[in-house]
PDB file of N, CA and C in Angstrom:
ATOM      1  N   MET A   1     289.860 131.331 110.188  1.00  0.00           N
ATOM      2  CA  MET A   1     290.235 129.508 110.159  1.00  0.00           C
ATOM      3  C   MET A   1     290.165 129.602 111.586  1.00  0.00           C
ATOM      4  N   ALA A   2     289.473 127.844 111.713  1.00  0.00           N
ATOM      5  CA  ALA A   2     289.670 127.771 113.396  1.00  0.00           C
ATOM      6  C   ALA A   2     290.513 126.134 113.081  1.00  0.00           C
ATOM      7  N   ASP A   3     291.130 125.833 113.813  1.00  0.00           N
ATOM      8  CA  ASP A   3     291.321 124.461 114.133  1.00  0.00           C
ATOM      9  C   ASP A   3     290.092 123.775 114.953  1.00  0.00           C
ATOM     10  N   ILE A   4     289.674 122.506 114.598  1.00  0.00           N
ATOM     11  CA  ILE A   4     288.866 121.580 115.446  1.00  0.00           C
ATOM     12  C   ILE A   4     289.417 120.972 116.586  1.00  0.00           C
ATOM     13  N   PRO A   5     290.332 120.602 117.109  1.00  0.00           N
ATOM     14  CA  PRO A   5     290.592 119.429 117.989  1.00  0.00           C
ATOM     15  C   PRO A   5     289.699 119.669 119.189  1.00  0.00           C
ATOM     16  N   GLY A   6     289.488 120.844 119.566  1.00  0.00           N
ATOM     17  CA  GLY A   6     288.484 121.655 120.906  1.00  0.00           C
ATOM     18  C   GLY A   6     286.983 120.957 120.723  1.00  0.00           C
ATOM     19  N   ILE A   7     286.723 120.617 119.640  1.00  0.00           N
ATOM     20  CA  ILE A   7     285.325 119.809 119.600  1.00  0.00           C
ATOM     21  C   ILE A   7     285.368 118.360 119.854  1.00  0.00           C
ATOM     22  N   ILE A   8     284.127 118.010 121.059  1.00  0.00           N
ATOM     23  CA  ILE A   8     284.168 116.963 122.010  1.00  0.00           C
ATOM     24  C   ILE A   8     282.793 116.061 121.537  1.00  0.00           C
ATOM     25  N   GLU A   9     282.094 114.902 121.082  1.00  0.00           N
ATOM     26  CA  GLU A   9     281.422 114.474 121.069  1.00  0.00           C
ATOM     27  C   GLU A   9     280.102 115.032 122.023  1.00  0.00           C
ATOM     28  N   GLY A  10     279.408 115.490 121.394  1.00  0.00           N
ATOM     29  CA  GLY A  10     278.169 116.167 122.650  1.00  0.00           C
ATOM     30  C   GLY A  10     278.170 117.695 122.526  1.00  0.00           C
ATOM     31  N   ALA A  11     279.182 118.191 121.495  1.00  0.00           N
ATOM     32  CA  ALA A  11     279.298 119.980 121.854  1.00  0.00           C
ATOM     33  C   ALA A  11     278.224 120.716 121.567  1.00  0.00           C
ATOM     34  N   HIS A  12     277.725 119.858 120.541  1.00  0.00           N
ATOM     35  CA  HIS A  12     276.552 120.223 120.100  1.00  0.00           C
ATOM     36  C   HIS A  12     275.128 120.674 121.328  1.00  0.00           C
ATOM     37  N   GLU A  13     275.587 119.996 122.371  1.00  0.00           N
ATOM     38  CA  GLU A  13     274.429 119.880 123.223  1.00  0.00           C
ATOM     39  C   GLU A  13     275.086 120.522 124.368  1.00  0.00           C
ATOM     40  N   GLY A  14     276.127 121.339 124.413  1.00  0.00           N
ATOM     41  CA  GLY A  14     277.061 122.018 125.125  1.00  0.00           C
ATOM     42  C   GLY A  14     277.583 121.459 125.989  1.00  0.00           C
ATOM     43  N   LYS A  15     277.996 119.956 125.649  1.00  0.00           N
ATOM     44  CA  LYS A  15     279.344 119.551 126.249  1.00  0.00           C
ATOM     45  C   LYS A  15     280.349 120.132 126.262  1.00  0.00           C
ATOM     46  N   GLY A  16     281.589 120.278 127.190  1.00  0.00           N
ATOM     47  CA  GLY A  16     282.554 121.039 126.778  1.00  0.00           C
ATOM     48  C   GLY A  16     282.503 122.135 127.078  1.00  0.00           C
ATOM     49  N   ILE A  17     283.270 122.723 126.224  1.00  0.00           N
ATOM     50  CA  ILE A  17     282.927 124.285 125.772  1.00  0.00           C
ATOM     51  C   ILE A  17     281.905 124.534 124.635  1.00  0.00           C
ATOM     52  N   GLY A  18     281.513 123.507 124.539  1.00  0.00           N
ATOM     53  CA  GLY A  18     280.777 123.187 123.381  1.00  0.00           C
ATOM     54  C   GLY A  18     280.237 124.379 122.382  1.00  0.00           C
ATOM     55  N   ILE A  19     278.909 124.796 122.826  1.00  0.00           N
ATOM     56  CA  ILE A  19     278.012 125.996 122.290  1.00  0.00           C
ATOM     57  C   ILE A  19     278.697 126.975 121.809  1.00  0.00           C
ATOM     58  N   ARG A  20     280.020 127.401 122.796  1.00  0.00           N
ATOM     59  CA  ARG A  20     280.838 128.744 122.572  1.00  0.00           C
ATOM     60  C   ARG A  20     281.561 128.408 121.744  1.00  0.00           C
ATOM     61  N   PHE A  21     282.281 127.490 121.510  1.00  0.00           N
ATOM     62  CA  PHE A  21     282.996 127.111 120.765  1.00  0.00           C
ATOM     63  C   PHE A  21     282.541 126.976 119.159  1.00  0.00           C
ATOM     64  N   LEU A  22     281.427 126.215 119.208  1.00  0.00           N
ATOM     65  CA  LEU A  22     280.976 126.196 117.718  1.00  0.00           C
ATOM     66  C   LEU A  22     280.654 127.434 117.379  1.00  0.00           C
ATOM     67  N   ARG A  23     280.086 128.251 118.144  1.00  0.00           N
ATOM     68  CA  ARG A  23     280.212 129.940 117.632  1.00  0.00           C
ATOM     69  C   ARG A  23     280.953 130.470 117.077  1.00  0.00           C
ATOM     70  N   HIS A  24     281.856 130.461 117.842  1.00  0.00           N
ATOM     71  CA  HIS A  24     283.436 130.627 117.416  1.00  0.00           C
ATOM     72  C   HIS A  24     283.818 130.442 116.026  1.00  0.00           C
ATOM     73  N   ILE A  25     283.551 129.070 115.555  1.00  0.00           N
ATOM     74  CA  ILE A  25     283.740 128.808 114.436  1.00  0.00           C
ATOM     75  C   ILE A  25     282.748 128.852 113.260  1.00  0.00           C
ATOM     76  N   GLU A  26     281.637 129.688 113.824  1.00  0.00           N
ATOM     77  CA  GLU A  26     280.706 129.868 112.462  1.00  0.00           C
ATOM     78  C   GLU A  26     281.271 131.545 111.807  1.00  0.00           C
ATOM     79  N   ARG A  27     282.359 132.017 112.506  1.00  0.00           N
ATOM     80  CA  ARG A  27     282.933 133.096 111.940  1.00  0.00           C
ATOM     81  C   ARG A  27     284.074 132.737 110.987  1.00  0.00           C
ATOM     82  N   ASN A  28     284.512 131.517 110.922  1.00  0.00           N
ATOM     83  CA  ASN A  28     285.339 130.904 110.153  1.00  0.00           C
ATOM     84  C   ASN A  28     285.029 130.634 108.807  1.00  0.00           C
ATOM     85  N   SER A  29     285.904 131.009 107.879  1.00  0.00           N
ATOM     86  CA  SER A  29     285.779 130.202 106.457  1.00  0.00           C
ATOM     87  C   SER A  29     286.467 129.263 106.233  1.00  0.00           C
ATOM     88  N   VAL A  30     287.388 128.752 106.724  1.00  0.00           N
ATOM     89  CA  VAL A  30     288.140 127.077 106.455  1.00  0.00           C
ATOM     90  C   VAL A  30     288.160 126.585 107.874  1.00  0.00           C
ATOM     91  N   LEU A  31     288.163 125.294 108.397  1.00  0.00           N
ATOM     92  CA  LEU A  31     288.095 124.729 108.964  1.00  0.00           C
ATOM     93  C   LEU A  31     289.255 123.551 109.233  1.00  0.00           C
ATOM     94  N   LEU A  32     290.010 123.552 110.036  1.00  0.00           N
ATOM     95  CA  LEU A  32     291.129 122.789 110.210  1.00  0.00           C
ATOM     96  C   LEU A  32     290.840 121.562 111.148  1.00  0.00           C
ATOM     97  N   PHE A  33     290.265 120.536 110.705  1.00  0.00           N
ATOM     98  CA  PHE A  33     289.876 119.272 111.488  1.00  0.00           C
ATOM     99  C   PHE A  33     291.382 118.571 111.787  1.00  0.00           C
ATOM    100  N   MET A  34     292.104 118.486 113.025  1.00  0.00           N
ATOM    101  CA  MET A  34     293.230 117.903 113.581  1.00  0.00           C
ATOM    102  C   MET A  34     292.791 116.523 114.460  1.00  0.00           C
ATOM    103  N   VAL A  35     293.346 115.418 113.999  1.00  0.00           N
ATOM    104  CA  VAL A  35     292.920 114.118 114.536  1.00  0.00           C
ATOM    105  C   VAL A  35     294.611 113.440 114.718  1.00  0.00           C
ATOM    106  N   SER A  36     294.584 112.669 115.625  1.00  0.00           N
ATOM    107  CA  SER A  36     295.883 112.197 115.948  1.00  0.00           C
ATOM    108  C   SER A  36     296.131 110.950 115.166  1.00  0.00           C
ATOM    109  N   ALA A  37     297.154 110.604 114.753  1.00  0.00           N
ATOM    110  CA  ALA A  37     297.534 109.328 113.931  1.00  0.00           C
ATOM    111  C   ALA A  37     297.141 108.094 115.231  1.00  0.00           C
ATOM    112  N   GLU A  38     297.110 108.667 116.400  1.00  0.00           N
ATOM    113  CA  GLU A  38     297.012 107.478 117.208  1.00  0.00           C
ATOM    114  C   GLU A  38     295.695 107.026 117.541  1.00  0.00           C
ATOM    115  N   GLU A  39     294.485 107.398 116.991  1.00  0.00           N
ATOM    116  CA  GLU A  39     293.296 107.106 116.827  1.00  0.00           C
ATOM    117  C   GLU A  39     293.290 106.153 116.239  1.00  0.00           C
ATOM    118  N   ASN A  40     292.059 105.049 116.915  1.00  0.00           N
ATOM    119  CA  ASN A  40     291.920 103.850 116.168  1.00  0.00           C
ATOM    120  C   ASN A  40     291.479 103.548 114.761  1.00  0.00           C
ATOM    121  N   ASP A  41     290.791 104.799 114.533  1.00  0.00           N
ATOM    122  CA  ASP A  41     289.853 105.014 113.082  1.00  0.00           C
ATOM    123  C   ASP A  41     289.445 106.402 112.916  1.00  0.00           C
ATOM    124  N   ILE A  42     291.000 106.967 112.108  1.00  0.00           N
ATOM    125  CA  ILE A  42     290.696 108.464 111.999  1.00  0.00           C
ATOM    126  C   ILE A  42     289.822 108.907 111.308  1.00  0.00           C
ATOM    127  N   GLY A  43     288.950 108.110 110.374  1.00  0.00           N
ATOM    128  CA  GLY A  43     288.108 108.603 109.297  1.00  0.00           C
ATOM    129  C   GLY A  43     286.549 108.818 110.291  1.00  0.00           C
ATOM    130  N   ALA A  44     286.454 107.789 111.380  1.00  0.00           N
ATOM    131  CA  ALA A  44     285.294 107.648 112.359  1.00  0.00           C
ATOM    132  C   ALA A  44     285.416 109.095 113.456  1.00  0.00           C
ATOM    133  N   SER A  45     286.722 109.196 113.907  1.00  0.00           N
ATOM    134  CA  SER A  45     286.980 110.485 114.580  1.00  0.00           C
ATOM    135  C   SER A  45     286.553 111.988 113.703  1.00  0.00           C
ATOM    136  N   TYR A  46     287.059 111.894 112.698  1.00  0.00           N
ATOM    137  CA  TYR A  46     286.754 113.069 111.667  1.00  0.00           C
ATOM    138  C   TYR A  46     285.113 113.107 111.623  1.00  0.00           C
ATOM    139  N   GLU A  47     284.594 111.834 111.392  1.00  0.00           N
ATOM    140  CA  GLU A  47     283.043 111.683 111.286  1.00  0.00           C
ATOM    141  C   GLU A  47     282.032 112.273 112.416  1.00  0.00           C
ATOM    142  N   THR A  48     282.785 111.926 113.607  1.00  0.00           N
ATOM    143  CA  THR A  48     282.295 112.812 114.839  1.00  0.00           C
ATOM    144  C   THR A  48     282.393 114.119 115.122  1.00  0.00           C
ATOM    145  N   LEU A  49     283.414 114.665 114.354  1.00  0.00           N
ATOM    146  CA  LEU A  49     283.677 116.135 114.651  1.00  0.00           C
ATOM    147  C   LEU A  49     282.601 116.622 113.878  1.00  0.00           C
ATOM    148  N   LEU A  50     282.561 115.955 112.544  1.00  0.00           N
ATOM    149  CA  LEU A  50     281.333 116.500 111.430  1.00  0.00           C
ATOM    150  C   LEU A  50     280.511 116.839 111.755  1.00  0.00           C
ATOM    151  N   ASN A  51     279.528 115.474 112.448  1.00  0.00           N
ATOM    152  CA  ASN A  51     278.616 115.260 112.918  1.00  0.00           C
ATOM    153  C   ASN A  51     278.185 116.343 114.063  1.00  0.00           C
ATOM    154  N   GLU A  52     279.006 116.841 115.080  1.00  0.00           N
ATOM    155  CA  GLU A  52     279.070 117.840 115.844  1.00  0.00           C
ATOM    156  C   GLU A  52     278.221 119.174 115.282  1.00  0.00           C
ATOM    157  N   LEU A  53     279.192 119.548 113.943  1.00  0.00           N
ATOM    158  CA  LEU A  53     278.796 120.633 113.174  1.00  0.00           C
ATOM    159  C   LEU A  53     277.606 120.619 112.774  1.00  0.00           C
ATOM    160  N   ARG A  54     277.068 119.372 111.849  1.00  0.00           N
ATOM    161  CA  ARG A  54     276.174 119.217 111.276  1.00  0.00           C
ATOM    162  C   ARG A  54     275.104 119.367 112.584  1.00  0.00           C
ATOM    163  N   GLU A  55     275.207 118.892 113.830  1.00  0.00           N
ATOM    164  CA  GLU A  55     274.045 118.987 114.671  1.00  0.00           C
ATOM    165  C   GLU A  55     273.776 120.356 115.176  1.00  0.00           C
ATOM    166  N   TYR A  56     274.989 121.049 115.040  1.00  0.00           N
ATOM    167  CA  TYR A  56     275.003 122.290 115.505  1.00  0.00           C
ATOM    168  C   TYR A  56     274.442 123.554 114.829  1.00  0.00           C
ATOM    169  N   ASN A  57     274.681 123.390 113.482  1.00  0.00           N
ATOM    170  CA  ASN A  57     274.683 124.175 112.128  1.00  0.00           C
ATOM    171  C   ASN A  57     275.006 123.484 111.014  1.00  0.00           C
ATOM    172  N   PRO A  58     273.829 122.949 110.547  1.00  0.00           N
ATOM    173  CA  PRO A  58     274.238 121.912 109.171  1.00  0.00           C
ATOM    174  C   PRO A  58     274.922 123.200 107.804  1.00  0.00           C
ATOM    175  N   GLU A  59     274.976 124.257 108.012  1.00  0.00           N
ATOM    176  CA  GLU A  59     275.448 125.437 107.004  1.00  0.00           C
ATOM    177  C   GLU A  59     276.810 125.305 107.554  1.00  0.00           C
ATOM    178  N   LEU A  60     277.554 125.195 108.585  1.00  0.00           N
ATOM    179  CA  LEU A  60     278.854 124.892 108.824  1.00  0.00           C
ATOM    180  C   LEU A  60     279.499 123.985 107.910  1.00  0.00           C
ATOM    181  N   LEU A  61     278.983 122.692 107.079  1.00  0.00           N
ATOM    182  CA  LEU A  61     279.316 121.649 106.303  1.00  0.00           C
ATOM    183  C   LEU A  61     279.829 122.655 105.135  1.00  0.00           C
ATOM    184  N   ASP A  62     279.334 123.652 104.890  1.00  0.00           N
ATOM    185  CA  ASP A  62     279.687 124.441 103.540  1.00  0.00           C
ATOM    186  C   ASP A  62     281.066 124.861 103.394  1.00  0.00           C
ATOM    187  N   LYS A  63     281.687 125.212 105.025  1.00  0.00           N
ATOM    188  CA  LYS A  63     282.917 125.550 104.744  1.00  0.00           C
ATOM    189  C   LYS A  63     284.005 124.954 104.434  1.00  0.00           C
ATOM    190  N   GLY A  64     284.978 125.838 103.879  1.00  0.00           N
ATOM    191  CA  GLY A  64     286.346 124.805 103.616  1.00  0.00           C
ATOM    192  C   GLY A  64     287.025 123.843 104.685  1.00  0.00           C
ATOM    193  N   ARG A  65     287.232 122.718 104.249  1.00  0.00           N
ATOM    194  CA  ARG A  65     287.983 122.036 105.384  1.00  0.00           C
ATOM    195  C   ARG A  65     289.307 121.397 105.078  1.00  0.00           C
ATOM    196  N   VAL A  66     290.182 121.341 105.965  1.00  0.00           N
ATOM    197  CA  VAL A  66     291.286 120.570 105.772  1.00  0.00           C
ATOM    198  C   VAL A  66     291.597 119.558 106.905  1.00  0.00           C
ATOM    199  N   LEU A  67     292.291 118.515 106.537  1.00  0.00           N
ATOM    200  CA  LEU A  67     292.523 117.368 107.945  1.00  0.00           C
ATOM    201  C   LEU A  67     293.914 117.539 108.119  1.00  0.00           C
ATOM    202  N   ALA A  68     294.133 117.430 109.227  1.00  0.00           N
ATOM    203  CA  ALA A  68     295.617 117.082 109.219  1.00  0.00           C
ATOM    204  C   ALA A  68     295.433 115.979 110.265  1.00  0.00           C
ATOM    205  N   VAL A  69     296.642 115.232 110.104  1.00  0.00           N
ATOM    206  CA  VAL A  69     296.977 114.259 110.788  1.00  0.00           C
ATOM    207  C   VAL A  69     297.923 114.239 111.983  1.00  0.00           C
ATOM    208  N   THR A  70     297.497 114.611 112.848  1.00  0.00           N
ATOM    209  CA  THR A  70     298.723 114.941 113.544  1.00  0.00           C
ATOM    210  C   THR A  70     299.585 114.025 114.642  1.00  0.00           C
ATOM    211  N   LYS A  71     300.912 114.042 115.180  1.00  0.00           N
ATOM    212  CA  LYS A  71     301.768 112.983 115.792  1.00  0.00           C
ATOM    213  C   LYS A  71     302.120 111.927 114.856  1.00  0.00           C
ATOM    214  N   CYS A  72     302.670 112.738 113.644  1.00  0.00           N
ATOM    215  CA  CYS A  72     303.087 111.592 112.710  1.00  0.00           C
ATOM    216  C   CYS A  72     304.150 111.048 112.872  1.00  0.00           C
ATOM    217  N   ASP A  73     305.081 111.708 113.915  1.00  0.00           N
ATOM    218  CA  ASP A  73     306.497 111.202 114.346  1.00  0.00           C
ATOM    219  C   ASP A  73     306.342 109.961 115.114  1.00  0.00           C
ATOM    220  N   LEU A  74     305.537 109.448 115.341  1.00  0.00           N
ATOM    221  CA  LEU A  74     304.968 108.005 116.482  1.00  0.00           C
ATOM    222  C   LEU A  74     304.707 107.481 115.137  1.00  0.00           C
ATOM    223  N   ILE A  75     304.473 107.647 113.776  1.00  0.00           N
ATOM    224  CA  ILE A  75     304.302 106.361 112.900  1.00  0.00           C
ATOM    225  C   ILE A  75     305.416 106.358 111.635  1.00  0.00           C
ATOM    226  N   ASP A  76     305.484 105.539 111.345  1.00  0.00           N
ATOM    227  CA  ASP A  76     306.469 105.536 110.088  1.00  0.00           C
ATOM    228  C   ASP A  76     305.624 105.530 108.688  1.00  0.00           C
ATOM    229  N   LYS A  77     306.731 105.897 107.888  1.00  0.00           N
ATOM    230  CA  LYS A  77     306.020 106.363 106.221  1.00  0.00           C
ATOM    231  C   LYS A  77     305.177 104.986 106.010  1.00  0.00           C
ATOM    232  N   ASP A  78     305.248 103.547 106.350  1.00  0.00           N
ATOM    233  CA  ASP A  78     304.602 102.378 105.504  1.00  0.00           C
ATOM    234  C   ASP A  78     303.334 102.713 106.204  1.00  0.00           C
ATOM    235  N   ILE A  79     303.311 103.009 107.501  1.00  0.00           N
ATOM    236  CA  ILE A  79     301.864 103.204 107.985  1.00  0.00           C
ATOM    237  C   ILE A  79     301.068 104.525 107.633  1.00  0.00           C
ATOM    238  N   GLU A  80     301.811 105.484 107.078  1.00  0.00           N
ATOM    239  CA  GLU A  80     301.098 106.694 106.857  1.00  0.00           C
ATOM    240  C   GLU A  80     300.640 106.027 105.348  1.00  0.00           C
ATOM    241  N   LYS A  81     301.319 105.782 104.780  1.00  0.00           N
ATOM    242  CA  LYS A  81     300.875 104.894 103.274  1.00  0.00           C
ATOM    243  C   LYS A  81     299.544 104.171 103.614  1.00  0.00           C
ATOM    244  N   GLU A  82     299.417 103.163 104.670  1.00  0.00           N
ATOM    245  CA  GLU A  82     298.389 102.277 104.751  1.00  0.00           C
ATOM    246  C   GLU A  82     297.362 103.291 105.173  1.00  0.00           C
ATOM    247  N   LEU A  83     297.344 104.319 106.268  1.00  0.00           N
ATOM    248  CA  LEU A  83     296.225 104.993 106.777  1.00  0.00           C
ATOM    249  C   LEU A  83     295.919 106.266 105.439  1.00  0.00           C
ATOM    250  N   ALA A  84     296.723 106.357 104.360  1.00  0.00           N
ATOM    251  CA  ALA A  84     296.050 107.463 103.530  1.00  0.00           C
ATOM    252  C   ALA A  84     294.525 107.036 102.741  1.00  0.00           C
ATOM    253  N   PRO A  85     294.631 105.818 102.510  1.00  0.00           N
ATOM    254  CA  PRO A  85     293.559 105.164 101.616  1.00  0.00           C
ATOM    255  C   PRO A  85     292.304 105.151 102.304  1.00  0.00           C
ATOM    256  N   THR A  86     292.262 105.163 103.900  1.00  0.00           N
ATOM    257  CA  THR A  86     291.189 104.705 104.485  1.00  0.00           C
ATOM    258  C   THR A  86     290.502 106.326 105.423  1.00  0.00           C
ATOM    259  N   LEU A  87     291.368 107.780 104.883  1.00  0.00           N
ATOM    260  CA  LEU A  87     290.885 109.087 105.295  1.00  0.00           C
ATOM    261  C   LEU A  87     290.018 109.272 104.492  1.00  0.00           C
ATOM    262  N   PRO A  88     289.083 110.499 104.989  1.00  0.00           N
ATOM    263  CA  PRO A  88     287.902 110.649 104.395  1.00  0.00           C
ATOM    264  C   PRO A  88     288.165 111.309 103.111  1.00  0.00           C
ATOM    265  N   LYS A  89     286.900 111.062 101.910  1.00  0.00           N
ATOM    266  CA  LYS A  89     287.371 111.467 100.906  1.00  0.00           C
ATOM    267  C   LYS A  89     286.741 113.034 100.725  1.00  0.00           C
ATOM    268  N   GLY A  90     287.322 113.473  99.841  1.00  0.00           N
ATOM    269  CA  GLY A  90     286.902 114.830  99.420  1.00  0.00           C
ATOM    270  C   GLY A  90     287.453 116.025 100.203  1.00  0.00           C
ATOM    271  N   ILE A  91     288.483 115.572 101.092  1.00  0.00           N
ATOM    272  CA  ILE A  91     288.769 116.663 101.823  1.00  0.00           C
ATOM    273  C   ILE A  91     290.418 116.389 102.201  1.00  0.00           C
ATOM    274  N   PRO A  92     291.032 117.678 101.564  1.00  0.00           N
ATOM    275  CA  PRO A  92     292.648 117.457 101.796  1.00  0.00           C
ATOM    276  C   PRO A  92     293.176 117.172 102.737  1.00  0.00           C
ATOM    277  N   HIS A  93     293.782 116.533 102.777  1.00  0.00           N
ATOM    278  CA  HIS A  93     294.724 116.099 104.151  1.00  0.00           C
ATOM    279  C   HIS A  93     296.391 116.173 104.171  1.00  0.00           C
ATOM    280  N   VAL A  94     296.716 116.224 105.358  1.00  0.00           N
ATOM    281  CA  VAL A  94     298.435 116.511 105.652  1.00  0.00           C
ATOM    282  C   VAL A  94     298.690 115.423 106.846  1.00  0.00           C
ATOM    283  N   PHE A  95     299.887 114.624 106.771  1.00  0.00           N
ATOM    284  CA  PHE A  95     300.306 114.373 108.373  1.00  0.00           C
ATOM    285  C   PHE A  95     301.338 115.319 108.735  1.00  0.00           C
ATOM    286  N   ILE A  96     301.318 115.716 110.037  1.00  0.00           N
ATOM    287  CA  ILE A  96     301.942 116.642 110.534  1.00  0.00           C
ATOM    288  C   ILE A  96     302.435 116.113 111.930  1.00  0.00           C
ATOM    289  N   SER A  97     303.648 116.607 112.154  1.00  0.00           N
ATOM    290  CA  SER A  97     304.732 116.442 113.822  1.00  0.00           C
ATOM    291  C   SER A  97     304.786 117.957 113.921  1.00  0.00           C
ATOM    292  N   SER A  98     304.190 118.425 115.286  1.00  0.00           N
ATOM    293  CA  SER A  98     304.702 119.521 116.063  1.00  0.00           C
ATOM    294  C   SER A  98     306.174 119.215 116.398  1.00  0.00           C
ATOM    295  N   VAL A  99     306.616 118.149 117.040  1.00  0.00           N
ATOM    296  CA  VAL A  99     307.803 117.705 117.336  1.00  0.00           C
ATOM    297  C   VAL A  99     308.561 117.959 116.231  1.00  0.00           C
ATOM    298  N   SER A 100     308.556 117.309 114.961  1.00  0.00           N
ATOM    299  CA  SER A 100     309.802 117.181 113.819  1.00  0.00           C
ATOM    300  C   SER A 100     309.562 118.330 112.742  1.00  0.00           C
ATOM    301  N   GLY A 101     308.344 118.618 113.058  1.00  0.00           N
ATOM    302  CA  GLY A 101     307.833 119.698 111.938  1.00  0.00           C
ATOM    303  C   GLY A 101     307.677 119.212 110.707  1.00  0.00           C
ATOM    304  N   GLU A 102     307.638 118.041 110.698  1.00  0.00           N
ATOM    305  CA  GLU A 102     306.998 117.288 109.367  1.00  0.00           C
ATOM    306  C   GLU A 102     305.746 117.519 108.959  1.00  0.00           C
ATOM    307  N   GLY A 103     305.480 118.024 107.718  1.00  0.00           N
ATOM    308  CA  GLY A 103     304.145 118.166 106.992  1.00  0.00           C
ATOM    309  C   GLY A 103     303.609 119.772 107.528  1.00  0.00           C
ATOM    310  N   LEU A 104     304.258 120.459 108.123  1.00  0.00           N
ATOM    311  CA  LEU A 104     303.919 121.983 108.486  1.00  0.00           C
ATOM    312  C   LEU A 104     303.843 122.731 107.452  1.00  0.00           C
ATOM    313  N   LYS A 105     305.056 122.887 106.453  1.00  0.00           N
ATOM    314  CA  LYS A 105     304.710 123.989 105.364  1.00  0.00           C
ATOM    315  C   LYS A 105     303.676 123.409 104.295  1.00  0.00           C
ATOM    316  N   GLU A 106     303.459 121.861 104.502  1.00  0.00           N
ATOM    317  CA  GLU A 106     302.548 121.494 103.452  1.00  0.00           C
ATOM    318  C   GLU A 106     301.110 121.685 103.900  1.00  0.00           C
ATOM    319  N   LEU A 107     300.857 121.946 105.051  1.00  0.00           N
ATOM    320  CA  LEU A 107     299.696 122.263 105.652  1.00  0.00           C
ATOM    321  C   LEU A 107     299.648 123.546 105.544  1.00  0.00           C
ATOM    322  N   LYS A 108     300.452 124.339 105.681  1.00  0.00           N
ATOM    323  CA  LYS A 108     300.246 126.031 105.701  1.00  0.00           C
ATOM    324  C   LYS A 108     300.037 126.130 104.249  1.00  0.00           C
ATOM    325  N   ASP A 109     300.334 125.608 103.223  1.00  0.00           N
ATOM    326  CA  ASP A 109     300.176 125.600 101.898  1.00  0.00           C
ATOM    327  C   ASP A 109     298.989 125.466 101.663  1.00  0.00           C
ATOM    328  N   MET A 110     298.356 124.310 102.175  1.00  0.00           N
ATOM    329  CA  MET A 110     296.916 123.753 101.953  1.00  0.00           C
ATOM    330  C   MET A 110     295.874 124.832 102.484  1.00  0.00           C
ATOM    331  N   LEU A 111     296.230 125.329 103.784  1.00  0.00           N
ATOM    332  CA  LEU A 111     295.231 126.329 104.230  1.00  0.00           C
ATOM    333  C   LEU A 111     295.299 127.648 103.434  1.00  0.00           C
ATOM    334  N   TRP A 112     296.454 128.129 102.970  1.00  0.00           N
ATOM    335  CA  TRP A 112     296.578 129.227 101.919  1.00  0.00           C
ATOM    336  C   TRP A 112     295.648 128.807 101.316  1.00  0.00           C
ATOM    337  N   GLU A 113     295.614 127.778 100.306  1.00  0.00           N
ATOM    338  CA  GLU A 113     294.804 127.403  99.297  1.00  0.00           C
ATOM    339  C   GLU A 113     293.304 127.600  99.570  1.00  0.00           C
ATOM    340  N   ALA A 114     293.334 126.922 100.590  1.00  0.00           N
ATOM    341  CA  ALA A 114     291.578 126.816 101.040  1.00  0.00           C
ATOM    342  C   ALA A 114     291.293 128.240 101.153  1.00  0.00           C
ATOM    343  N   LEU A 115     292.262 129.009 101.666  1.00  0.00           N
ATOM    344  CA  LEU A 115     291.593 130.545 102.197  1.00  0.00           C
ATOM    345  C   LEU A 115     291.498 131.337 100.707  1.00  0.00           C
ATOM    346  N   GLN A 116     292.002 131.137  99.846  1.00  0.00           N
ATOM    347  CA  GLN A 116     292.262 132.022  98.841  1.00  0.00           C
ATOM    348  C   GLN A 116     290.923 131.452  98.259  1.00  0.00           C
ATOM    349  N   SER A 117     290.365 130.154  97.847  1.00  0.00           N
ATOM    350  CA  SER A 117     289.376 129.450  97.115  1.00  0.00           C
ATOM    351  C   SER A 117     287.933 129.846  97.465  1.00  0.00           C
TER     352      SER A 117
END
């Protein structure tokens, strides 16, 4: 399993730790995409990460995926409810906070399920 907060736009071209990080991802069966609740458009941020995988190696899109919306301690439940329908379709998602611990059990359960399938 790999978490994918470390990919930046242009990683497939070698920006940042780019190619080295993408090679690391190839060895994993489940990819955890982590996008901050502070992002203006969580779906667009997810698509940017997905595009980097596509540009590097389209076969990476065949791997299991989970989306964790991080820093949910900065938003209230009403905002979570507003955001949920705007999240990418076809990928399990969970709102988490490392500060409060919210959603971490659900995230572990989702990852376990993804690893088992």
